[in-house]
Amino acid sequence: MATQVFWKIRVVLLVDIVEDTKTLQTLQRSKRAQSRIQRLLTQFGTASAKAREGVDHEGPDPEPDQEQYDNIEAQIVVEDWVGPISASLEVWHTVDNNPQMRGERIVSSS
């Protein structure tokens, strides 16, 4: 006969993470962001990406290496690719077999 195990939930964490995509789109349309993105494409883009965007290119794509990844990372501006992030956290626990929020909701935004 199989033994049944019942677990009692004691704590639940609720996390809500939201990216502000409207702000991201606005930032991406700026001349500075467009210039940085175009520079990345010109220096590091694949032949097919360059062809799609009308950027001149020669020969096949070079094999990527750690130095290339380091160069890309050094030129990335995070705000060109990810919008402002906000997150909230709630901690719930059981009190007398009823759910109750512990403390206040914690909210953070970038």
C-alpha atoms as a PDB file:
ATOM      1  CA  MET A   1       0.000   0.000   0.000  1.00  0.00           C
ATOM      2  CA  ALA A   2       1.381   3.422  -1.004  1.00  0.00           C
ATOM      3  CA  THR A   3       1.939   6.014   1.665  1.00  0.00           C
ATOM      4  CA  GLN A   4       0.395   9.417   1.006  1.00  0.00           C
ATOM      5  CA  VAL A   5       2.298  12.491   2.070  1.00  0.00           C
ATOM      6  CA  PHE A   6       0.463  15.754   2.561  1.00  0.00           C
ATOM      7  CA  TRP A   7       2.373  19.016   2.612  1.00  0.00           C
ATOM      8  CA  LYS A   8       1.028  22.061   4.303  1.00  0.00           C
ATOM      9  CA  ILE A   9       1.872  25.280   2.525  1.00  0.00           C
ATOM     10  CA  ARG A  10       3.342  27.726   4.989  1.00  0.00           C
ATOM     11  CA  VAL A  11       4.798  30.526   2.893  1.00  0.00           C
ATOM     12  CA  VAL A  12       4.060  31.800  -0.619  1.00  0.00           C
ATOM     13  CA  LEU A  13       6.123  34.413  -2.457  1.00  0.00           C
ATOM     14  CA  LEU A  14       4.408  36.437  -5.183  1.00  0.00           C
ATOM     15  CA  VAL A  15       6.748  38.271  -7.534  1.00  0.00           C
ATOM     16  CA  ASP A  16       5.595  40.543 -10.352  1.00  0.00           C
ATOM     17  CA  ILE A  17       8.273  41.827 -12.746  1.00  0.00           C
ATOM     18  CA  VAL A  18       7.247  44.312 -15.458  1.00  0.00           C
ATOM     19  CA  GLU A  19       9.282  45.961 -18.213  1.00  0.00           C
ATOM     20  CA  ASP A  20       8.111  49.387 -19.382  1.00  0.00           C
ATOM     21  CA  THR A  21       8.105  48.632 -23.099  1.00  0.00           C
ATOM     22  CA  LYS A  22       6.587  51.998 -24.060  1.00  0.00           C
ATOM     23  CA  THR A  23       9.543  53.825 -22.558  1.00  0.00           C
ATOM     24  CA  LEU A  24      11.917  51.333 -24.191  1.00  0.00           C
ATOM     25  CA  GLN A  25      10.387  52.009 -27.617  1.00  0.00           C
ATOM     26  CA  THR A  26      10.695  55.765 -27.066  1.00  0.00           C
ATOM     27  CA  LEU A  27      14.332  55.396 -26.033  1.00  0.00           C
ATOM     28  CA  GLN A  28      15.082  53.132 -29.006  1.00  0.00           C
ATOM     29  CA  ARG A  29      13.749  55.771 -31.405  1.00  0.00           C
ATOM     30  CA  SER A  30      16.210  58.398 -30.137  1.00  0.00           C
ATOM     31  CA  LYS A  31      19.052  59.368 -32.491  1.00  0.00           C
ATOM     32  CA  ARG A  32      21.673  58.364 -29.905  1.00  0.00           C
ATOM     33  CA  ALA A  33      20.228  54.865 -29.462  1.00  0.00           C
ATOM     34  CA  GLN A  34      19.778  54.410 -33.219  1.00  0.00           C
ATOM     35  CA  SER A  35      23.405  55.422 -33.741  1.00  0.00           C
ATOM     36  CA  ARG A  36      24.670  52.962 -31.106  1.00  0.00           C
ATOM     37  CA  ILE A  37      22.533  50.121 -32.480  1.00  0.00           C
ATOM     38  CA  GLN A  38      23.668  50.862 -36.050  1.00  0.00           C
ATOM     39  CA  ARG A  39      27.315  50.873 -34.908  1.00  0.00           C
ATOM     40  CA  LEU A  40      26.869  47.461 -33.243  1.00  0.00           C
ATOM     41  CA  LEU A  41      25.254  46.072 -36.387  1.00  0.00           C
ATOM     42  CA  THR A  42      28.025  47.448 -38.603  1.00  0.00           C
ATOM     43  CA  GLN A  43      30.832  46.119 -36.411  1.00  0.00           C
ATOM     44  CA  PHE A  44      29.415  42.823 -35.199  1.00  0.00           C
ATOM     45  CA  GLY A  45      26.273  41.948 -37.172  1.00  0.00           C
ATOM     46  CA  THR A  46      25.975  38.814 -39.263  1.00  0.00           C
ATOM     47  CA  ALA A  47      26.041  39.028 -43.046  1.00  0.00           C
ATOM     48  CA  SER A  48      22.302  38.323 -43.210  1.00  0.00           C
ATOM     49  CA  ALA A  49      21.500  41.036 -40.630  1.00  0.00           C
ATOM     50  CA  LYS A  50      23.678  43.526 -42.493  1.00  0.00           C
ATOM     51  CA  ALA A  51      22.024  42.624 -45.821  1.00  0.00           C
ATOM     52  CA  ARG A  52      18.557  42.974 -44.260  1.00  0.00           C
ATOM     53  CA  GLU A  53      19.451  46.444 -42.944  1.00  0.00           C
ATOM     54  CA  GLY A  54      21.243  47.571 -46.114  1.00  0.00           C
ATOM     55  CA  VAL A  55      24.721  47.637 -44.554  1.00  0.00           C
ATOM     56  CA  ASP A  56      27.635  46.766 -46.851  1.00  0.00           C
ATOM     57  CA  HIS A  57      29.455  43.573 -45.917  1.00  0.00           C
ATOM     58  CA  GLU A  58      32.139  41.303 -47.307  1.00  0.00           C
ATOM     59  CA  GLY A  59      32.558  37.552 -47.131  1.00  0.00           C
ATOM     60  CA  PRO A  60      31.215  35.077 -44.616  1.00  0.00           C
ATOM     61  CA  ASP A  61      30.660  35.744 -40.934  1.00  0.00           C
ATOM     62  CA  PRO A  62      33.847  35.364 -38.883  1.00  0.00           C
ATOM     63  CA  GLU A  63      33.840  32.788 -36.098  1.00  0.00           C
ATOM     64  CA  PRO A  64      33.011  34.590 -32.858  1.00  0.00           C
ATOM     65  CA  ASP A  65      35.572  34.429 -30.081  1.00  0.00           C
ATOM     66  CA  GLN A  66      35.870  35.727 -26.525  1.00  0.00           C
ATOM     67  CA  GLU A  67      37.567  38.937 -27.632  1.00  0.00           C
ATOM     68  CA  GLN A  68      34.658  39.716 -29.949  1.00  0.00           C
ATOM     69  CA  TYR A  69      32.150  39.062 -27.149  1.00  0.00           C
ATOM     70  CA  ASP A  70      34.161  41.306 -24.829  1.00  0.00           C
ATOM     71  CA  ASN A  71      34.153  44.080 -27.455  1.00  0.00           C
ATOM     72  CA  ILE A  72      30.389  43.772 -27.923  1.00  0.00           C
ATOM     73  CA  GLU A  73      29.794  43.817 -24.168  1.00  0.00           C
ATOM     74  CA  ALA A  74      31.936  46.947 -23.790  1.00  0.00           C
ATOM     75  CA  GLN A  75      29.737  48.803 -26.302  1.00  0.00           C
ATOM     76  CA  ILE A  76      26.306  47.664 -25.121  1.00  0.00           C
ATOM     77  CA  VAL A  77      24.111  50.294 -23.500  1.00  0.00           C
ATOM     78  CA  VAL A  78      21.522  48.294 -21.569  1.00  0.00           C
ATOM     79  CA  GLU A  79      18.838  50.967 -21.938  1.00  0.00           C
ATOM     80  CA  ASP A  80      18.935  50.457 -25.725  1.00  0.00           C
ATOM     81  CA  TRP A  81      17.674  46.891 -25.242  1.00  0.00           C
ATOM     82  CA  VAL A  82      15.734  46.695 -21.964  1.00  0.00           C
ATOM     83  CA  GLY A  83      13.167  49.181 -20.695  1.00  0.00           C
ATOM     84  CA  PRO A  84      12.846  50.313 -17.098  1.00  0.00           C
ATOM     85  CA  ILE A  85      11.963  47.402 -14.823  1.00  0.00           C
ATOM     86  CA  SER A  86       9.648  47.474 -11.835  1.00  0.00           C
ATOM     87  CA  ALA A  87       9.091  44.582  -9.478  1.00  0.00           C
ATOM     88  CA  SER A  88       6.876  43.915  -6.513  1.00  0.00           C
ATOM     89  CA  LEU A  89       7.136  41.201  -3.912  1.00  0.00           C
ATOM     90  CA  GLU A  90       4.542  39.944  -1.471  1.00  0.00           C
ATOM     91  CA  VAL A  91       5.136  37.347   1.214  1.00  0.00           C
ATOM     92  CA  TRP A  92       2.088  35.403   2.359  1.00  0.00           C
ATOM     93  CA  HIS A  93       1.920  32.886   5.175  1.00  0.00           C
ATOM     94  CA  THR A  94      -0.752  30.934   6.986  1.00  0.00           C
ATOM     95  CA  VAL A  95      -2.206  32.117  10.255  1.00  0.00           C
ATOM     96  CA  ASP A  96      -4.794  29.802  11.786  1.00  0.00           C
ATOM     97  CA  ASN A  97      -5.071  28.016   8.425  1.00  0.00           C
ATOM     98  CA  ASN A  98      -5.867  31.279   6.604  1.00  0.00           C
ATOM     99  CA  PRO A  99      -3.614  33.170   4.174  1.00  0.00           C
ATOM    100  CA  GLN A 100      -2.289  36.486   5.443  1.00  0.00           C
ATOM    101  CA  MET A 101       0.172  38.896   3.873  1.00  0.00           C
ATOM    102  CA  ARG A 102       3.292  39.318   5.962  1.00  0.00           C
ATOM    103  CA  GLY A 103       4.315  42.959   6.125  1.00  0.00           C
ATOM    104  CA  GLU A 104       3.838  45.361   3.234  1.00  0.00           C
ATOM    105  CA  ARG A 105       4.250  44.818  -0.480  1.00  0.00           C
ATOM    106  CA  ILE A 106       7.820  45.615  -1.491  1.00  0.00           C
ATOM    107  CA  VAL A 107       8.081  47.631  -4.711  1.00  0.00           C
ATOM    108  CA  SER A 108      11.247  48.494  -6.584  1.00  0.00           C
ATOM    109  CA  SER A 109      11.762  50.236  -9.906  1.00  0.00           C
ATOM    110  CA  SER A 110      14.727  51.174 -12.064  1.00  0.00           C
END
